[in-house]
Amino acid sequence: MAVIADKYFNEFNMPGVIHYNNPLEFLNIINETINGNIDKVSLVKQGRQHLNEVLHIDLLNKQRYKILKGL
């Protein structure tokens, strides 16, 4: 399932997340999802690709190493 988040939550401002501004928009997103009008698979792939590029453990460990080496 794709992630649905209020625009207020900046930490969810990333590819693959569906944003809404109010309860009516949220309801419309849910209805569109149920009706098959939202490509959930594509959104999940976008989100996973982004997370793998930004938060993959190998990348995080390299960043940690650089920080520790600079101490």
N, C-alpha and C. Protein backbone atom coordinates (compact mmCIF):
# COMPACT_ATOMS: atom_id res chain seq x y z
N MET A 1 0.84 -1.18 0.00
CA MET A 1 0.00 0.00 0.00
C MET A 1 0.88 1.24 0.00
N ALA A 2 0.52 2.18 -0.79
CA ALA A 2 1.25 3.45 -0.82
C ALA A 2 0.99 4.22 0.47
N VAL A 3 1.93 5.10 0.81
CA VAL A 3 1.80 5.91 2.02
C VAL A 3 0.94 7.14 1.70
N ILE A 4 0.02 7.43 2.60
CA ILE A 4 -0.82 8.62 2.50
C ILE A 4 -0.53 9.46 3.74
N ALA A 5 -0.14 10.72 3.54
CA ALA A 5 0.24 11.55 4.67
C ALA A 5 -0.25 12.98 4.48
N ASP A 6 -0.56 13.62 5.58
CA ASP A 6 -0.92 15.03 5.57
C ASP A 6 0.30 15.85 5.15
N LYS A 7 0.09 16.90 4.36
CA LYS A 7 1.20 17.75 3.91
C LYS A 7 1.94 18.38 5.08
N TYR A 8 1.32 18.42 6.24
CA TYR A 8 1.92 19.00 7.43
C TYR A 8 3.19 18.25 7.84
N PHE A 9 3.24 16.95 7.59
CA PHE A 9 4.36 16.12 8.02
C PHE A 9 5.48 16.16 6.99
N ASN A 10 6.44 17.04 7.20
CA ASN A 10 7.54 17.23 6.26
C ASN A 10 8.37 15.97 6.06
N GLU A 11 8.46 15.13 7.08
CA GLU A 11 9.27 13.91 6.95
C GLU A 11 8.71 12.95 5.90
N PHE A 12 7.46 13.18 5.49
CA PHE A 12 6.86 12.34 4.44
C PHE A 12 6.88 13.03 3.09
N ASN A 13 7.64 14.11 2.97
CA ASN A 13 7.75 14.81 1.70
C ASN A 13 8.84 14.14 0.88
N MET A 14 8.47 13.01 0.26
CA MET A 14 9.40 12.23 -0.53
C MET A 14 8.63 11.51 -1.64
N PRO A 15 9.33 11.01 -2.63
CA PRO A 15 8.67 10.29 -3.72
C PRO A 15 7.86 9.10 -3.22
N GLY A 16 6.74 8.87 -3.86
CA GLY A 16 5.90 7.72 -3.55
C GLY A 16 4.84 7.97 -2.51
N VAL A 17 4.83 9.15 -1.91
CA VAL A 17 3.84 9.47 -0.86
C VAL A 17 2.74 10.32 -1.46
N ILE A 18 1.50 9.96 -1.15
CA ILE A 18 0.34 10.73 -1.58
C ILE A 18 -0.01 11.70 -0.44
N HIS A 19 -0.08 12.99 -0.78
CA HIS A 19 -0.37 14.00 0.24
C HIS A 19 -1.80 14.50 0.12
N TYR A 20 -2.34 14.91 1.25
CA TYR A 20 -3.67 15.52 1.28
C TYR A 20 -3.65 16.73 2.19
N ASN A 21 -4.59 17.62 1.97
CA ASN A 21 -4.67 18.86 2.74
C ASN A 21 -5.81 18.89 3.75
N ASN A 22 -6.82 18.09 3.50
CA ASN A 22 -7.99 18.13 4.38
C ASN A 22 -8.69 16.77 4.35
N PRO A 23 -9.65 16.57 5.24
CA PRO A 23 -10.34 15.27 5.31
C PRO A 23 -11.03 14.87 4.01
N LEU A 24 -11.57 15.83 3.27
CA LEU A 24 -12.25 15.50 2.02
C LEU A 24 -11.25 14.96 0.99
N GLU A 25 -10.08 15.59 0.90
CA GLU A 25 -9.05 15.08 0.00
C GLU A 25 -8.62 13.67 0.40
N PHE A 26 -8.48 13.45 1.71
CA PHE A 26 -8.11 12.11 2.19
C PHE A 26 -9.14 11.08 1.76
N LEU A 27 -10.41 11.40 1.94
CA LEU A 27 -11.49 10.50 1.54
C LEU A 27 -11.45 10.24 0.04
N ASN A 28 -11.20 11.28 -0.74
CA ASN A 28 -11.13 11.10 -2.20
C ASN A 28 -9.97 10.19 -2.58
N ILE A 29 -8.84 10.33 -1.91
CA ILE A 29 -7.69 9.46 -2.18
C ILE A 29 -8.03 8.01 -1.86
N ILE A 30 -8.68 7.80 -0.74
CA ILE A 30 -9.08 6.44 -0.36
C ILE A 30 -10.03 5.85 -1.41
N ASN A 31 -11.02 6.64 -1.82
CA ASN A 31 -11.98 6.16 -2.82
C ASN A 31 -11.30 5.87 -4.16
N GLU A 32 -10.39 6.75 -4.57
CA GLU A 32 -9.66 6.53 -5.82
C GLU A 32 -8.79 5.28 -5.74
N THR A 33 -8.22 5.05 -4.58
CA THR A 33 -7.41 3.85 -4.38
C THR A 33 -8.28 2.60 -4.47
N ILE A 34 -9.41 2.62 -3.79
CA ILE A 34 -10.33 1.48 -3.82
C ILE A 34 -10.81 1.21 -5.24
N ASN A 35 -11.06 2.27 -5.99
CA ASN A 35 -11.56 2.13 -7.36
C ASN A 35 -10.47 1.77 -8.36
N GLY A 36 -9.23 1.69 -7.90
CA GLY A 36 -8.13 1.29 -8.77
C GLY A 36 -7.58 2.40 -9.64
N ASN A 37 -7.87 3.64 -9.30
CA ASN A 37 -7.43 4.77 -10.11
C ASN A 37 -6.07 5.32 -9.69
N ILE A 38 -5.48 4.76 -8.66
CA ILE A 38 -4.15 5.18 -8.21
C ILE A 38 -3.21 3.99 -8.36
N ASP A 39 -2.11 4.22 -9.03
CA ASP A 39 -1.13 3.16 -9.28
C ASP A 39 -0.26 2.96 -8.03
N LYS A 40 -0.75 2.12 -7.14
CA LYS A 40 -0.06 1.89 -5.87
C LYS A 40 1.31 1.26 -6.07
N VAL A 41 1.42 0.34 -7.00
CA VAL A 41 2.68 -0.35 -7.23
C VAL A 41 3.76 0.64 -7.64
N SER A 42 3.42 1.55 -8.54
CA SER A 42 4.38 2.55 -8.98
C SER A 42 4.81 3.46 -7.83
N LEU A 43 3.87 3.86 -6.99
CA LEU A 43 4.19 4.71 -5.86
C LEU A 43 5.11 4.01 -4.86
N VAL A 44 4.84 2.75 -4.60
CA VAL A 44 5.68 1.98 -3.68
C VAL A 44 7.09 1.83 -4.25
N LYS A 45 7.19 1.58 -5.55
CA LYS A 45 8.51 1.46 -6.18
C LYS A 45 9.27 2.78 -6.08
N GLN A 46 8.59 3.90 -6.30
CA GLN A 46 9.24 5.21 -6.18
C GLN A 46 9.76 5.41 -4.76
N GLY A 47 8.94 5.09 -3.78
CA GLY A 47 9.33 5.24 -2.39
C GLY A 47 10.50 4.36 -2.02
N ARG A 48 10.46 3.11 -2.44
CA ARG A 48 11.56 2.19 -2.14
C ARG A 48 12.85 2.63 -2.79
N GLN A 49 12.77 3.09 -4.03
CA GLN A 49 13.97 3.55 -4.73
C GLN A 49 14.57 4.73 -3.98
N HIS A 50 13.73 5.66 -3.58
CA HIS A 50 14.22 6.84 -2.85
C HIS A 50 14.89 6.41 -1.54
N LEU A 51 14.24 5.55 -0.79
CA LEU A 51 14.80 5.10 0.49
C LEU A 51 16.12 4.37 0.30
N ASN A 52 16.19 3.54 -0.73
CA ASN A 52 17.44 2.81 -0.99
C ASN A 52 18.57 3.75 -1.38
N GLU A 53 18.23 4.84 -2.08
CA GLU A 53 19.26 5.79 -2.49
C GLU A 53 19.71 6.69 -1.34
N VAL A 54 18.80 6.96 -0.41
CA VAL A 54 19.09 7.93 0.64
C VAL A 54 19.40 7.27 1.99
N LEU A 55 18.69 6.20 2.31
CA LEU A 55 18.80 5.64 3.65
C LEU A 55 19.34 4.21 3.70
N HIS A 56 19.92 3.74 2.62
CA HIS A 56 20.46 2.38 2.62
C HIS A 56 21.56 2.28 3.66
N ILE A 57 21.63 1.19 4.37
CA ILE A 57 22.56 1.03 5.49
C ILE A 57 24.01 1.22 5.06
N ASP A 58 24.38 0.78 3.87
CA ASP A 58 25.75 0.98 3.40
C ASP A 58 26.08 2.46 3.27
N LEU A 59 25.13 3.24 2.75
CA LEU A 59 25.35 4.67 2.62
C LEU A 59 25.45 5.34 3.99
N LEU A 60 24.58 4.93 4.90
CA LEU A 60 24.62 5.49 6.25
C LEU A 60 25.93 5.15 6.95
N ASN A 61 26.40 3.93 6.78
CA ASN A 61 27.65 3.53 7.42
C ASN A 61 28.84 4.32 6.85
N LYS A 62 28.83 4.60 5.55
CA LYS A 62 29.89 5.41 4.95
C LYS A 62 29.87 6.82 5.53
N GLN A 63 28.67 7.38 5.69
CA GLN A 63 28.55 8.71 6.28
C GLN A 63 29.04 8.70 7.73
N ARG A 64 28.68 7.68 8.48
CA ARG A 64 29.13 7.56 9.87
C ARG A 64 30.66 7.47 9.93
N TYR A 65 31.24 6.69 9.03
CA TYR A 65 32.69 6.52 9.00
C TYR A 65 33.39 7.86 8.77
N LYS A 66 32.87 8.64 7.80
CA LYS A 66 33.45 9.95 7.51
C LYS A 66 33.36 10.86 8.73
N ILE A 67 32.25 10.81 9.41
CA ILE A 67 32.08 11.65 10.61
C ILE A 67 33.06 11.23 11.69
N LEU A 68 33.13 9.92 11.96
CA LEU A 68 34.05 9.43 13.00
C LEU A 68 35.50 9.70 12.66
N LYS A 69 35.84 9.56 11.39
CA LYS A 69 37.21 9.78 10.95
C LYS A 69 37.59 11.26 11.13
N GLY A 70 36.61 12.13 11.02
CA GLY A 70 36.87 13.56 11.18
C GLY A 70 36.96 14.03 12.61
N LEU A 71 36.68 13.15 13.57
CA LEU A 71 36.73 13.57 14.99
C LEU A 71 38.15 13.62 15.52
